[in-house]
PDB file of N, CA and C in Angstrom:
ATOM      1  N   UNK A   1     210.287 126.285  87.395  1.00  0.00           N
ATOM      2  CA  UNK A   1     210.025 127.478  86.612  1.00  0.00           C
ATOM      3  C   UNK A   1     208.661 127.388  85.948  1.00  0.00           C
ATOM      4  N   UNK A   2     208.360 126.281  85.246  1.00  0.00           N
ATOM      5  CA  UNK A   2     207.097 126.138  84.568  1.00  0.00           C
ATOM      6  C   UNK A   2     205.904 126.250  85.499  1.00  0.00           C
ATOM      7  N   UNK A   3     206.056 125.836  86.749  1.00  0.00           N
ATOM      8  CA  UNK A   3     204.951 125.887  87.705  1.00  0.00           C
ATOM      9  C   UNK A   3     204.569 127.324  88.053  1.00  0.00           C
ATOM     10  N   UNK A   4     205.483 128.280  87.846  1.00  0.00           N
ATOM     11  CA  UNK A   4     205.215 129.673  88.175  1.00  0.00           C
ATOM     12  C   UNK A   4     204.504 130.423  87.050  1.00  0.00           C
ATOM     13  N   UNK A   5     204.384 129.801  85.879  1.00  0.00           N
ATOM     14  CA  UNK A   5     203.773 130.473  84.735  1.00  0.00           C
ATOM     15  C   UNK A   5     202.263 130.309  84.754  1.00  0.00           C
ATOM     16  N   UNK A   6     201.553 131.291  84.202  1.00  0.00           N
ATOM     17  CA  UNK A   6     200.101 131.149  84.094  1.00  0.00           C
ATOM     18  C   UNK A   6     199.751 129.960  83.199  1.00  0.00           C
ATOM     19  N   UNK A   7     198.587 129.392  83.409  1.00  0.00           N
ATOM     20  CA  UNK A   7     198.128 128.246  82.625  1.00  0.00           C
ATOM     21  C   UNK A   7     198.108 128.616  81.145  1.00  0.00           C
ATOM     22  N   UNK A   8     198.631 127.739  80.305  1.00  0.00           N
ATOM     23  CA  UNK A   8     198.623 127.956  78.865  1.00  0.00           C
ATOM     24  C   UNK A   8     199.813 128.727  78.325  1.00  0.00           C
ATOM     25  N   UNK A   9     200.722 129.154  79.184  1.00  0.00           N
ATOM     26  CA  UNK A   9     201.875 129.941  78.742  1.00  0.00           C
ATOM     27  C   UNK A   9     203.112 129.095  78.496  1.00  0.00           C
ATOM     28  N   UNK A  10     203.090 127.844  78.855  1.00  0.00           N
ATOM     29  CA  UNK A  10     204.266 126.996  78.707  1.00  0.00           C
ATOM     30  C   UNK A  10     203.975 125.887  77.703  1.00  0.00           C
ATOM     31  N   UNK A  11     205.021 125.444  77.014  1.00  0.00           N
ATOM     32  CA  UNK A  11     204.938 124.332  76.083  1.00  0.00           C
ATOM     33  C   UNK A  11     205.940 123.287  76.516  1.00  0.00           C
ATOM     34  N   UNK A  12     205.550 122.050  76.505  1.00  0.00           N
ATOM     35  CA  UNK A  12     206.462 120.975  76.891  1.00  0.00           C
ATOM     36  C   UNK A  12     207.638 120.916  75.926  1.00  0.00           C
ATOM     37  N   UNK A  13     208.826 120.689  76.457  1.00  0.00           N
ATOM     38  CA  UNK A  13     210.028 120.618  75.640  1.00  0.00           C
ATOM     39  C   UNK A  13     209.901 119.554  74.551  1.00  0.00           C
ATOM     40  N   UNK A  14     209.193 118.483  74.831  1.00  0.00           N
ATOM     41  CA  UNK A  14     209.008 117.412  73.843  1.00  0.00           C
ATOM     42  C   UNK A  14     208.212 117.889  72.624  1.00  0.00           C
ATOM     43  N   UNK A  15     207.510 119.006  72.747  1.00  0.00           N
ATOM     44  CA  UNK A  15     206.679 119.515  71.651  1.00  0.00           C
ATOM     45  C   UNK A  15     207.343 120.603  70.822  1.00  0.00           C
ATOM     46  N   UNK A  16     208.615 120.879  71.087  1.00  0.00           N
ATOM     47  CA  UNK A  16     209.319 121.924  70.336  1.00  0.00           C
ATOM     48  C   UNK A  16     210.650 121.394  69.808  1.00  0.00           C
ATOM     49  N   UNK A  17     211.197 122.101  68.846  1.00  0.00           N
ATOM     50  CA  UNK A  17     212.526 121.791  68.331  1.00  0.00           C
ATOM     51  C   UNK A  17     213.418 122.989  68.624  1.00  0.00           C
ATOM     52  N   UNK A  18     214.478 122.772  69.390  1.00  0.00           N
ATOM     53  CA  UNK A  18     215.406 123.856  69.702  1.00  0.00           C
ATOM     54  C   UNK A  18     216.406 123.998  68.556  1.00  0.00           C
ATOM     55  N   UNK A  19     216.644 125.225  68.151  1.00  0.00           N
ATOM     56  CA  UNK A  19     217.556 125.521  67.055  1.00  0.00           C
ATOM     57  C   UNK A  19     218.597 126.541  67.514  1.00  0.00           C
ATOM     58  N   UNK A  20     219.572 126.790  66.669  1.00  0.00           N
ATOM     59  CA  UNK A  20     220.546 127.849  66.939  1.00  0.00           C
ATOM     60  C   UNK A  20     219.801 129.183  66.994  1.00  0.00           C
ATOM     61  N   UNK A  21     220.236 130.116  67.856  1.00  0.00           N
ATOM     62  CA  UNK A  21     219.521 131.391  67.994  1.00  0.00           C
ATOM     63  C   UNK A  21     219.538 132.236  66.717  1.00  0.00           C
ATOM     64  N   UNK A  22     220.593 132.115  65.932  1.00  0.00           N
ATOM     65  CA  UNK A  22     220.696 132.783  64.633  1.00  0.00           C
ATOM     66  C   UNK A  22     221.080 131.672  63.659  1.00  0.00           C
ATOM     67  N   UNK A  23     220.170 131.233  62.802  1.00  0.00           N
ATOM     68  CA  UNK A  23     220.419 130.036  62.003  1.00  0.00           C
ATOM     69  C   UNK A  23     221.705 130.051  61.163  1.00  0.00           C
ATOM     70  N   UNK A  24     221.956 131.099  60.404  1.00  0.00           N
ATOM     71  CA  UNK A  24     223.144 131.139  59.554  1.00  0.00           C
ATOM     72  C   UNK A  24     223.748 132.552  59.561  1.00  0.00           C
ATOM     73  N   UNK A  25     224.426 132.920  60.625  1.00  0.00           N
ATOM     74  CA  UNK A  25     225.004 134.279  60.650  1.00  0.00           C
ATOM     75  C   UNK A  25     226.059 134.428  59.557  1.00  0.00           C
ATOM     76  N   UNK A  26     226.087 135.583  58.918  1.00  0.00           N
ATOM     77  CA  UNK A  26     227.034 135.805  57.828  1.00  0.00           C
ATOM     78  C   UNK A  26     228.322 136.465  58.306  1.00  0.00           C
ATOM     79  N   UNK A  27     228.290 137.026  59.497  1.00  0.00           N
ATOM     80  CA  UNK A  27     229.474 137.700  60.033  1.00  0.00           C
ATOM     81  C   UNK A  27     229.629 137.317  61.495  1.00  0.00           C
ATOM     82  N   UNK A  28     230.735 137.762  62.095  1.00  0.00           N
ATOM     83  CA  UNK A  28     230.977 137.481  63.513  1.00  0.00           C
ATOM     84  C   UNK A  28     229.827 137.993  64.376  1.00  0.00           C
ATOM     85  N   UNK A  29     229.609 137.295  65.480  1.00  0.00           N
ATOM     86  CA  UNK A  29     228.606 137.688  66.465  1.00  0.00           C
ATOM     87  C   UNK A  29     229.356 138.379  67.606  1.00  0.00           C
ATOM     88  N   UNK A  30     228.896 139.548  68.004  1.00  0.00           N
ATOM     89  CA  UNK A  30     229.526 140.269  69.106  1.00  0.00           C
ATOM     90  C   UNK A  30     228.671 140.127  70.358  1.00  0.00           C
ATOM     91  N   UNK A  31     229.340 140.004  71.481  1.00  0.00           N
ATOM     92  CA  UNK A  31     228.643 139.861  72.747  1.00  0.00           C
ATOM     93  C   UNK A  31     229.310 140.673  73.835  1.00  0.00           C
ATOM     94  N   UNK A  32     228.613 140.804  74.948  1.00  0.00           N
ATOM     95  CA  UNK A  32     229.149 141.489  76.125  1.00  0.00           C
ATOM     96  C   UNK A  32     229.094 140.497  77.270  1.00  0.00           C
ATOM     97  N   UNK A  33     230.232 140.258  77.881  1.00  0.00           N
ATOM     98  CA  UNK A  33     230.312 139.292  78.969  1.00  0.00           C
ATOM     99  C   UNK A  33     230.534 139.961  80.310  1.00  0.00           C
ATOM    100  N   UNK A  34     230.307 139.194  81.354  1.00  0.00           N
ATOM    101  CA  UNK A  34     230.502 139.650  82.737  1.00  0.00           C
ATOM    102  C   UNK A  34     229.736 140.943  82.995  1.00  0.00           C
ATOM    103  N   UNK A  35     228.506 141.011  82.475  1.00  0.00           N
ATOM    104  CA  UNK A  35     227.731 142.248  82.598  1.00  0.00           C
ATOM    105  C   UNK A  35     226.666 142.201  83.686  1.00  0.00           C
ATOM    106  N   UNK A  36     226.691 141.149  84.513  1.00  0.00           N
ATOM    107  CA  UNK A  36     225.828 141.133  85.692  1.00  0.00           C
ATOM    108  C   UNK A  36     226.507 140.312  86.779  1.00  0.00           C
ATOM    109  N   UNK A  37     226.225 140.647  88.007  1.00  0.00           N
ATOM    110  CA  UNK A  37     226.978 140.140  89.148  1.00  0.00           C
ATOM    111  C   UNK A  37     226.978 138.617  89.261  1.00  0.00           C
ATOM    112  N   UNK A  38     225.838 137.961  89.018  1.00  0.00           N
ATOM    113  CA  UNK A  38     225.803 136.498  89.122  1.00  0.00           C
ATOM    114  C   UNK A  38     226.756 135.840  88.134  1.00  0.00           C
ATOM    115  N   UNK A  39     226.874 136.392  86.923  1.00  0.00           N
ATOM    116  CA  UNK A  39     227.782 135.835  85.924  1.00  0.00           C
ATOM    117  C   UNK A  39     229.235 136.043  86.348  1.00  0.00           C
ATOM    118  N   UNK A  40     229.543 137.206  86.904  1.00  0.00           N
ATOM    119  CA  UNK A  40     230.900 137.476  87.390  1.00  0.00           C
ATOM    120  C   UNK A  40     231.259 136.494  88.510  1.00  0.00           C
ATOM    121  N   UNK A  41     230.332 136.286  89.428  1.00  0.00           N
ATOM    122  CA  UNK A  41     230.558 135.365  90.548  1.00  0.00           C
ATOM    123  C   UNK A  41     230.777 133.940  90.049  1.00  0.00           C
ATOM    124  N   UNK A  42     229.931 133.493  89.129  1.00  0.00           N
ATOM    125  CA  UNK A  42     230.056 132.149  88.557  1.00  0.00           C
ATOM    126  C   UNK A  42     231.392 131.988  87.832  1.00  0.00           C
ATOM    127  N   UNK A  43     231.770 132.971  87.038  1.00  0.00           N
ATOM    128  CA  UNK A  43     233.039 132.911  86.305  1.00  0.00           C
ATOM    129  C   UNK A  43     234.228 132.910  87.258  1.00  0.00           C
ATOM    130  N   UNK A  44     234.150 133.706  88.312  1.00  0.00           N
ATOM    131  CA  UNK A  44     235.244 133.775  89.284  1.00  0.00           C
ATOM    132  C   UNK A  44     235.463 132.420  89.944  1.00  0.00           C
ATOM    133  N   UNK A  45     234.382 131.733  90.260  1.00  0.00           N
ATOM    134  CA  UNK A  45     234.503 130.411  90.891  1.00  0.00           C
ATOM    135  C   UNK A  45     235.040 129.377  89.908  1.00  0.00           C
ATOM    136  N   UNK A  46     234.559 129.395  88.674  1.00  0.00           N
ATOM    137  CA  UNK A  46     234.950 128.386  87.687  1.00  0.00           C
ATOM    138  C   UNK A  46     236.346 128.628  87.123  1.00  0.00           C
ATOM    139  N   UNK A  47     236.716 129.900  86.972  1.00  0.00           N
ATOM    140  CA  UNK A  47     237.970 130.229  86.298  1.00  0.00           C
ATOM    141  C   UNK A  47     239.033 130.818  87.216  1.00  0.00           C
ATOM    142  N   UNK A  48     238.717 130.933  88.500  1.00  0.00           N
ATOM    143  CA  UNK A  48     239.635 131.525  89.475  1.00  0.00           C
ATOM    144  C   UNK A  48     240.070 132.929  89.045  1.00  0.00           C
ATOM    145  N   UNK A  49     239.065 133.756  88.713  1.00  0.00           N
ATOM    146  CA  UNK A  49     239.321 135.140  88.321  1.00  0.00           C
ATOM    147  C   UNK A  49     238.682 136.070  89.344  1.00  0.00           C
ATOM    148  N   UNK A  50     238.799 137.360  89.125  1.00  0.00           N
ATOM    149  CA  UNK A  50     238.266 138.356  90.051  1.00  0.00           C
ATOM    150  C   UNK A  50     236.748 138.253  90.184  1.00  0.00           C
ATOM    151  N   UNK A  51     236.254 138.428  91.383  1.00  0.00           N
ATOM    152  CA  UNK A  51     234.808 138.409  91.638  1.00  0.00           C
ATOM    153  C   UNK A  51     234.212 139.811  91.578  1.00  0.00           C
ATOM    154  N   UNK A  52     235.019 140.801  91.194  1.00  0.00           N
ATOM    155  CA  UNK A  52     234.533 142.176  91.090  1.00  0.00           C
ATOM    156  C   UNK A  52     233.902 142.419  89.725  1.00  0.00           C
ATOM    157  N   UNK A  53     232.779 143.143  89.707  1.00  0.00           N
ATOM    158  CA  UNK A  53     232.127 143.513  88.462  1.00  0.00           C
ATOM    159  C   UNK A  53     233.064 144.448  87.691  1.00  0.00           C
ATOM    160  N   UNK A  54     233.353 144.159  86.405  1.00  0.00           N
ATOM    161  CA  UNK A  54     234.263 145.021  85.641  1.00  0.00           C
ATOM    162  C   UNK A  54     233.727 146.450  85.537  1.00  0.00           C
ATOM    163  N   UNK A  55     234.645 147.405  85.489  1.00  0.00           N
ATOM    164  CA  UNK A  55     234.262 148.810  85.364  1.00  0.00           C
ATOM    165  C   UNK A  55     233.817 149.139  83.948  1.00  0.00           C
ATOM    166  N   UNK A  56     234.303 148.371  82.973  1.00  0.00           N
ATOM    167  CA  UNK A  56     233.952 148.577  81.572  1.00  0.00           C
ATOM    168  C   UNK A  56     233.426 147.271  80.998  1.00  0.00           C
ATOM    169  N   UNK A  57     232.624 147.336  79.933  1.00  0.00           N
ATOM    170  CA  UNK A  57     232.094 146.112  79.339  1.00  0.00           C
ATOM    171  C   UNK A  57     233.210 145.201  78.812  1.00  0.00           C
ATOM    172  N   UNK A  58     232.995 143.906  78.925  1.00  0.00           N
ATOM    173  CA  UNK A  58     233.902 142.918  78.350  1.00  0.00           C
ATOM    174  C   UNK A  58     233.269 142.514  77.024  1.00  0.00           C
ATOM    175  N   UNK A  59     233.847 142.981  75.928  1.00  0.00           N
ATOM    176  CA  UNK A  59     233.294 142.743  74.596  1.00  0.00           C
ATOM    177  C   UNK A  59     234.087 141.638  73.928  1.00  0.00           C
ATOM    178  N   UNK A  60     233.372 140.715  73.286  1.00  0.00           N
ATOM    179  CA  UNK A  60     234.031 139.607  72.599  1.00  0.00           C
ATOM    180  C   UNK A  60     233.260 139.290  71.319  1.00  0.00           C
ATOM    181  N   UNK A  61     233.900 138.520  70.436  1.00  0.00           N
ATOM    182  CA  UNK A  61     233.205 138.085  69.228  1.00  0.00           C
ATOM    183  C   UNK A  61     233.385 136.586  69.044  1.00  0.00           C
ATOM    184  N   UNK A  62     232.458 136.005  68.319  1.00  0.00           N
ATOM    185  CA  UNK A  62     232.500 134.589  67.978  1.00  0.00           C
ATOM    186  C   UNK A  62     232.340 134.477  66.469  1.00  0.00           C
ATOM    187  N   UNK A  63     233.054 133.565  65.834  1.00  0.00           N
ATOM    188  CA  UNK A  63     232.884 133.376  64.389  1.00  0.00           C
ATOM    189  C   UNK A  63     231.532 132.727  64.097  1.00  0.00           C
ATOM    190  N   UNK A  64     231.013 132.904  62.895  1.00  0.00           N
ATOM    191  CA  UNK A  64     229.724 132.295  62.544  1.00  0.00           C
ATOM    192  C   UNK A  64     229.689 130.781  62.768  1.00  0.00           C
ATOM    193  N   UNK A  65     230.808 130.114  62.640  1.00  0.00           N
ATOM    194  CA  UNK A  65     230.849 128.662  62.821  1.00  0.00           C
ATOM    195  C   UNK A  65     230.640 128.242  64.272  1.00  0.00           C
ATOM    196  N   UNK A  66     230.706 129.184  65.208  1.00  0.00           N
ATOM    197  CA  UNK A  66     230.499 128.874  66.627  1.00  0.00           C
ATOM    198  C   UNK A  66     229.011 128.821  66.988  1.00  0.00           C
ATOM    199  N   UNK A  67     228.152 129.287  66.109  1.00  0.00           N
ATOM    200  CA  UNK A  67     226.709 129.308  66.376  1.00  0.00           C
ATOM    201  C   UNK A  67     226.130 127.961  65.962  1.00  0.00           C
ATOM    202  N   UNK A  68     225.731 127.168  66.961  1.00  0.00           N
ATOM    203  CA  UNK A  68     225.168 125.843  66.687  1.00  0.00           C
ATOM    204  C   UNK A  68     223.918 125.629  67.528  1.00  0.00           C
ATOM    205  N   UNK A  69     223.155 124.652  67.203  1.00  0.00           N
ATOM    206  CA  UNK A  69     221.988 124.307  67.990  1.00  0.00           C
ATOM    207  C   UNK A  69     222.383 123.451  69.174  1.00  0.00           C
ATOM    208  N   UNK A  70     221.450 123.161  70.074  1.00  0.00           N
ATOM    209  CA  UNK A  70     221.754 122.418  71.301  1.00  0.00           C
ATOM    210  C   UNK A  70     222.140 120.958  71.077  1.00  0.00           C
ATOM    211  N   UNK A  71     221.746 120.365  69.962  1.00  0.00           N
ATOM    212  CA  UNK A  71     222.055 118.949  69.726  1.00  0.00           C
ATOM    213  C   UNK A  71     223.251 118.751  68.803  1.00  0.00           C
ATOM    214  N   UNK A  72     223.880 119.830  68.413  1.00  0.00           N
ATOM    215  CA  UNK A  72     225.008 119.740  67.455  1.00  0.00           C
ATOM    216  C   UNK A  72     226.295 119.351  68.139  1.00  0.00           C
TER     217      UNK A  72
END
């Protein structure tokens, strides 16, 4: 991936600190799942579910305590 970027557009992972996308959410986070075909296909293989794209959005929520950084 990095090789496809123009010179100067990428930063080495060793030079950054990855954090949670929302540091301290105060309320539940809402998301939409299975909203593109590759994700539906991946989920169907991993979870033995339908490989058909849902007709309606799959909406879910996560509590604030579920938001963590990559090293947590």
